Amino acid sequence: MEDLIHLKDVYKTYDMGQAQVRALDGVTIEIQQGDYLAVMGPSGSGKSTLMNLIGCLDSPTSGSYRLKTTEIGSLGDDELARIRNREIGFIFQTFNLLPRTDALQNVELPLIYSGISRRERHERAKRALDAVGLGDRMHHRPNEMSGGQRQRVAIARALVNNPSILLADEPTGNLDSRTGDEIMALVDRLHAEGNTIILVTHEDELARRAARVIRLRDGQIVSDSRNRPDGAPAAPRT
């Protein structure tokens, strides 16, 4: 099976005044279609930078990032935006919904940027909301919904373009434990249906749900292991 994502010797540095900060320090990762990966690490470890690169929100300073057959590092801003909209579905801790529009309109947004007709946008957004159990709330605005429902709208929005990758950045961070469990059960179901999931989390309990766990420290991968089906850590990958 070919890699969906291939990062090789990736470095990312930022200029901070007269100093340079190396956020990623020679990272090499292969991720296959259908993988379920958790990315962990302390604050400043590089996990947010890694997610920004994988999500085509940023480009590496050096090294190679290939998504399917496209070399991402060589793309301009407009091309990166097209790749993001077509290939990446984002699920954020803070939901990032437009407050004055209803659930259906929020889910439609990526389709508007894709140039899809209004009728098809409506149909696809309705199907996405049905898939996350919110078909009866599609005309409610975010302030008329619970935190868990808002996150389900965000997940529907992430799914509506049938992306290659779902990037979930601390998706339960603003939810109580019961609602968080419900959202993670939905994420687990999406993986079981064949979606590729990359989850950024600081919680070991959430990471145990993934099939694979990468841990970062000081911009480097310090471990890369597979979880057993019961959620217990397995031996590191070789």
Protein backbone atom coordinates (compact mmCIF):
# COMPACT_ATOMS: atom_id res chain seq x y z
CA MET A 1 0.00 0.00 0.00
CA GLU A 2 1.31 3.42 -0.97
CA ASP A 3 1.74 6.14 1.64
CA LEU A 4 -0.95 8.80 1.78
CA ILE A 5 1.47 11.13 3.58
CA HIS A 6 5.23 11.02 3.39
CA LEU A 7 7.44 13.47 5.29
CA LYS A 8 11.18 13.03 4.90
CA ASP A 9 13.84 14.99 6.82
CA VAL A 10 11.43 17.86 7.42
CA TYR A 11 12.73 20.95 9.21
CA LYS A 12 10.73 24.02 10.18
CA THR A 13 12.45 27.08 11.60
CA TYR A 14 11.02 30.44 12.64
CA ASP A 15 12.87 33.73 12.94
CA MET A 16 12.39 35.20 16.41
CA GLY A 17 14.20 38.50 16.28
CA GLN A 18 17.87 37.73 15.87
CA ALA A 19 17.43 34.10 16.88
CA GLN A 20 15.99 31.11 15.02
CA VAL A 21 13.69 28.55 16.62
CA ARG A 22 13.71 25.06 15.14
CA ALA A 23 10.14 23.79 15.64
CA LEU A 24 10.71 20.58 13.65
CA ASP A 25 14.10 18.96 13.53
CA GLY A 26 14.46 16.33 10.81
CA VAL A 27 11.05 14.63 11.04
CA THR A 28 10.36 11.58 8.86
CA ILE A 29 6.89 9.98 8.89
CA GLU A 30 4.87 7.73 6.59
CA ILE A 31 1.08 7.56 7.07
CA GLN A 32 -1.07 5.20 5.03
CA GLN A 33 -4.66 5.55 3.91
CA GLY A 34 -6.99 4.42 6.71
CA ASP A 35 -4.47 4.95 9.52
CA TYR A 36 -5.57 6.30 12.93
CA LEU A 37 -2.68 8.28 14.37
CA ALA A 38 -2.41 10.18 17.65
CA VAL A 39 0.28 12.87 17.95
CA MET A 40 1.41 13.66 21.48
CA GLY A 41 4.04 15.81 23.14
CA PRO A 42 4.53 18.56 25.72
CA SER A 43 4.01 22.23 24.96
CA GLY A 44 6.67 23.37 22.50
CA SER A 45 7.36 19.85 21.23
CA GLY A 46 6.39 20.69 17.65
CA LYS A 47 3.04 18.91 17.41
CA SER A 48 1.11 22.03 16.36
CA THR A 49 3.75 22.84 13.75
CA LEU A 50 3.54 19.28 12.45
CA MET A 51 -0.24 19.53 12.19
CA ASN A 52 0.02 22.86 10.36
CA LEU A 53 2.37 21.28 7.83
CA ILE A 54 0.26 18.16 7.31
CA GLY A 55 -2.84 20.36 7.01
CA CYS A 56 -1.13 22.52 4.34
CA LEU A 57 -1.45 25.61 6.53
CA ASP A 58 2.32 26.03 6.35
CA SER A 59 5.27 24.73 4.34
CA PRO A 60 8.52 23.13 5.54
CA THR A 61 11.70 25.16 5.64
CA SER A 62 13.49 22.16 4.15
CA GLY A 63 12.82 18.51 3.50
CA SER A 64 10.01 16.85 1.58
CA TYR A 65 6.27 16.61 2.30
CA ARG A 66 4.37 14.56 -0.25
CA LEU A 67 0.58 14.19 -0.03
CA LYS A 68 -0.45 11.38 -2.37
CA THR A 69 1.68 12.28 -5.40
CA THR A 70 1.90 16.04 -4.79
CA GLU A 71 5.03 17.66 -3.38
CA ILE A 72 3.54 20.20 -0.97
CA GLY A 73 6.66 22.24 -0.29
CA SER A 74 6.75 23.53 -3.87
CA LEU A 75 3.18 24.91 -3.89
CA GLY A 76 2.14 28.55 -3.67
CA ASP A 77 -0.56 29.92 -1.36
CA ASP A 78 -3.43 29.48 -3.85
CA GLU A 79 -2.45 25.90 -4.60
CA LEU A 80 -2.12 25.13 -0.89
CA ALA A 81 -5.63 26.51 -0.33
CA ARG A 82 -7.03 24.24 -3.05
CA ILE A 83 -5.28 21.20 -1.57
CA ARG A 84 -6.58 22.05 1.92
CA ASN A 85 -10.14 22.37 0.73
CA ARG A 86 -10.04 19.17 -1.32
CA GLU A 87 -7.92 16.86 0.82
CA ILE A 88 -8.09 17.98 4.48
CA GLY A 89 -10.99 18.09 6.93
CA PHE A 90 -10.26 20.09 10.10
CA ILE A 91 -11.86 19.51 13.52
CA PHE A 92 -10.85 22.18 16.03
CA GLN A 93 -11.09 22.36 19.82
CA THR A 94 -12.98 25.67 19.55
CA PHE A 95 -15.36 24.44 16.78
CA ASN A 96 -14.72 27.54 14.58
CA LEU A 97 -18.35 27.85 13.48
CA LEU A 98 -19.85 31.04 12.10
CA PRO A 99 -22.21 32.25 14.86
CA ARG A 100 -24.82 33.96 12.66
CA THR A 101 -25.39 31.05 10.27
CA ASP A 102 -27.19 27.79 10.94
CA ALA A 103 -25.67 24.32 10.99
CA LEU A 104 -26.50 23.63 7.34
CA GLN A 105 -24.83 26.83 6.16
CA ASN A 106 -21.76 26.18 8.32
CA VAL A 107 -21.36 22.71 6.82
CA GLU A 108 -21.81 24.07 3.28
CA LEU A 109 -18.84 26.46 3.53
CA PRO A 110 -16.11 24.18 2.10
CA LEU A 111 -18.40 23.37 -0.82
CA ILE A 112 -18.87 27.06 -1.64
CA TYR A 113 -15.10 27.39 -1.98
CA SER A 114 -15.14 24.33 -4.26
CA GLY A 115 -17.57 26.01 -6.66
CA ILE A 116 -20.33 23.41 -6.19
CA SER A 117 -23.89 24.37 -7.09
CA ARG A 118 -26.28 25.51 -4.37
CA ARG A 119 -28.58 22.51 -4.77
CA GLU A 120 -25.74 20.00 -4.49
CA ARG A 121 -24.27 21.91 -1.53
CA HIS A 122 -27.57 21.59 0.34
CA GLU A 123 -27.86 17.87 -0.38
CA ARG A 124 -24.28 17.06 0.62
CA ALA A 125 -24.46 19.18 3.77
CA LYS A 126 -27.72 17.48 4.80
CA ARG A 127 -26.16 14.04 4.30
CA ALA A 128 -23.12 15.06 6.38
CA LEU A 129 -25.34 16.32 9.22
CA ASP A 130 -27.41 13.13 9.07
CA ALA A 131 -24.17 11.13 9.32
CA VAL A 132 -23.30 12.79 12.64
CA GLY A 133 -26.83 12.52 14.04
CA LEU A 134 -27.88 16.16 13.57
CA GLY A 135 -30.36 15.95 10.73
CA ASP A 136 -33.04 17.44 12.98
CA ARG A 137 -30.86 20.43 14.03
CA MET A 138 -29.67 21.66 10.65
CA HIS A 139 -31.47 25.01 10.93
CA HIS A 140 -30.22 25.79 14.44
CA ARG A 141 -27.45 28.32 14.99
CA PRO A 142 -24.41 27.48 17.15
CA ASN A 143 -25.77 29.38 20.17
CA GLU A 144 -28.87 27.20 20.05
CA MET A 145 -26.84 24.00 20.39
CA SER A 146 -24.81 22.28 23.08
CA GLY A 147 -21.03 22.00 22.89
CA GLY A 148 -21.28 18.41 21.72
CA GLN A 149 -23.74 19.34 18.99
CA ARG A 150 -21.49 22.18 17.83
CA GLN A 151 -18.58 19.79 17.58
CA ARG A 152 -20.74 17.40 15.55
CA VAL A 153 -21.50 20.27 13.16
CA ALA A 154 -17.75 20.90 12.90
CA ILE A 155 -17.18 17.21 12.14
CA ALA A 156 -19.90 17.27 9.47
CA ARG A 157 -18.21 20.31 7.92
CA ALA A 158 -14.89 18.43 7.94
CA LEU A 159 -16.49 15.45 6.18
CA VAL A 160 -18.59 17.24 3.56
CA ASN A 161 -15.85 17.38 0.90
CA ASN A 162 -14.93 13.69 1.37
CA PRO A 163 -11.36 14.59 2.34
CA SER A 164 -8.41 12.22 2.34
CA ILE A 165 -7.48 13.15 5.93
CA LEU A 166 -9.35 14.27 9.04
CA LEU A 167 -7.16 16.40 11.33
CA ALA A 168 -8.60 16.61 14.85
CA ASP A 169 -6.83 19.11 17.13
CA GLU A 170 -7.82 18.43 20.78
CA PRO A 171 -11.43 17.78 19.63
CA THR A 172 -12.74 17.18 23.18
CA GLY A 173 -10.81 20.00 24.87
CA ASN A 174 -13.89 22.20 25.42
CA LEU A 175 -16.30 19.38 26.28
CA ASP A 176 -17.27 17.62 29.49
CA SER A 177 -16.11 14.01 29.82
CA ARG A 178 -19.42 12.41 28.81
CA THR A 179 -19.81 14.57 25.70
CA GLY A 180 -16.13 14.05 24.91
CA ASP A 181 -16.66 10.28 24.98
CA GLU A 182 -19.56 10.65 22.55
CA ILE A 183 -17.47 12.73 20.16
CA MET A 184 -14.58 10.25 20.31
CA ALA A 185 -16.99 7.37 19.67
CA LEU A 186 -18.01 9.24 16.52
CA VAL A 187 -14.36 9.72 15.52
CA ASP A 188 -13.76 5.99 16.11
CA ARG A 189 -16.74 5.19 13.88
CA LEU A 190 -15.43 7.44 11.12
CA HIS A 191 -12.13 5.57 11.23
CA ALA A 192 -13.92 2.22 11.10
CA GLU A 193 -15.68 3.47 7.96
CA GLY A 194 -12.29 3.97 6.28
CA ASN A 195 -11.35 7.56 7.10
CA THR A 196 -7.74 8.48 7.84
CA ILE A 197 -7.62 10.20 11.25
CA ILE A 198 -4.78 12.26 12.71
CA LEU A 199 -5.52 13.28 16.30
CA VAL A 200 -3.53 15.83 18.30
CA THR A 201 -4.02 15.25 22.01
CA HIS A 202 -2.29 15.55 25.37
CA GLU A 203 -4.52 12.86 26.91
CA ASP A 204 -3.22 9.29 27.09
CA GLU A 205 -6.80 8.02 27.30
CA LEU A 206 -7.62 9.49 23.89
CA ALA A 207 -4.32 8.36 22.38
CA ARG A 208 -5.09 4.78 23.38
CA ARG A 209 -8.09 4.84 21.04
CA ALA A 210 -5.79 5.37 18.05
CA ALA A 211 -4.03 2.56 16.24
CA ARG A 212 -0.69 4.36 16.30
CA VAL A 213 0.91 6.95 18.60
CA ILE A 214 3.76 9.32 17.74
CA ARG A 215 5.41 11.29 20.54
CA LEU A 216 7.38 14.47 19.85
CA ARG A 217 9.92 16.30 21.95
CA ASP A 218 12.02 19.30 20.91
CA GLY A 219 10.86 18.94 17.31
CA GLN A 220 11.89 15.31 16.97
CA ILE A 221 10.00 12.02 17.02
CA VAL A 222 11.04 10.18 20.17
CA SER A 223 8.67 7.22 19.79
CA ASP A 224 6.37 5.73 17.16
CA SER A 225 4.33 2.73 18.30
CA ARG A 226 1.23 0.74 17.50
CA ASN A 227 -1.50 0.17 20.08
CA ARG A 228 -2.94 -3.29 20.59
CA PRO A 229 -6.67 -3.71 19.86
CA ASP A 230 -7.38 -3.44 23.61
CA GLY A 231 -5.75 0.01 23.64
CA ALA A 232 -2.57 -1.05 25.42
CA PRO A 233 0.74 0.21 24.00
CA ALA A 234 2.57 -2.16 21.70
CA ALA A 235 6.21 -2.33 20.70
CA PRO A 236 7.67 0.62 18.77
CA ARG A 237 7.53 0.49 14.98
CA THR A 238 10.67 -0.61 13.23
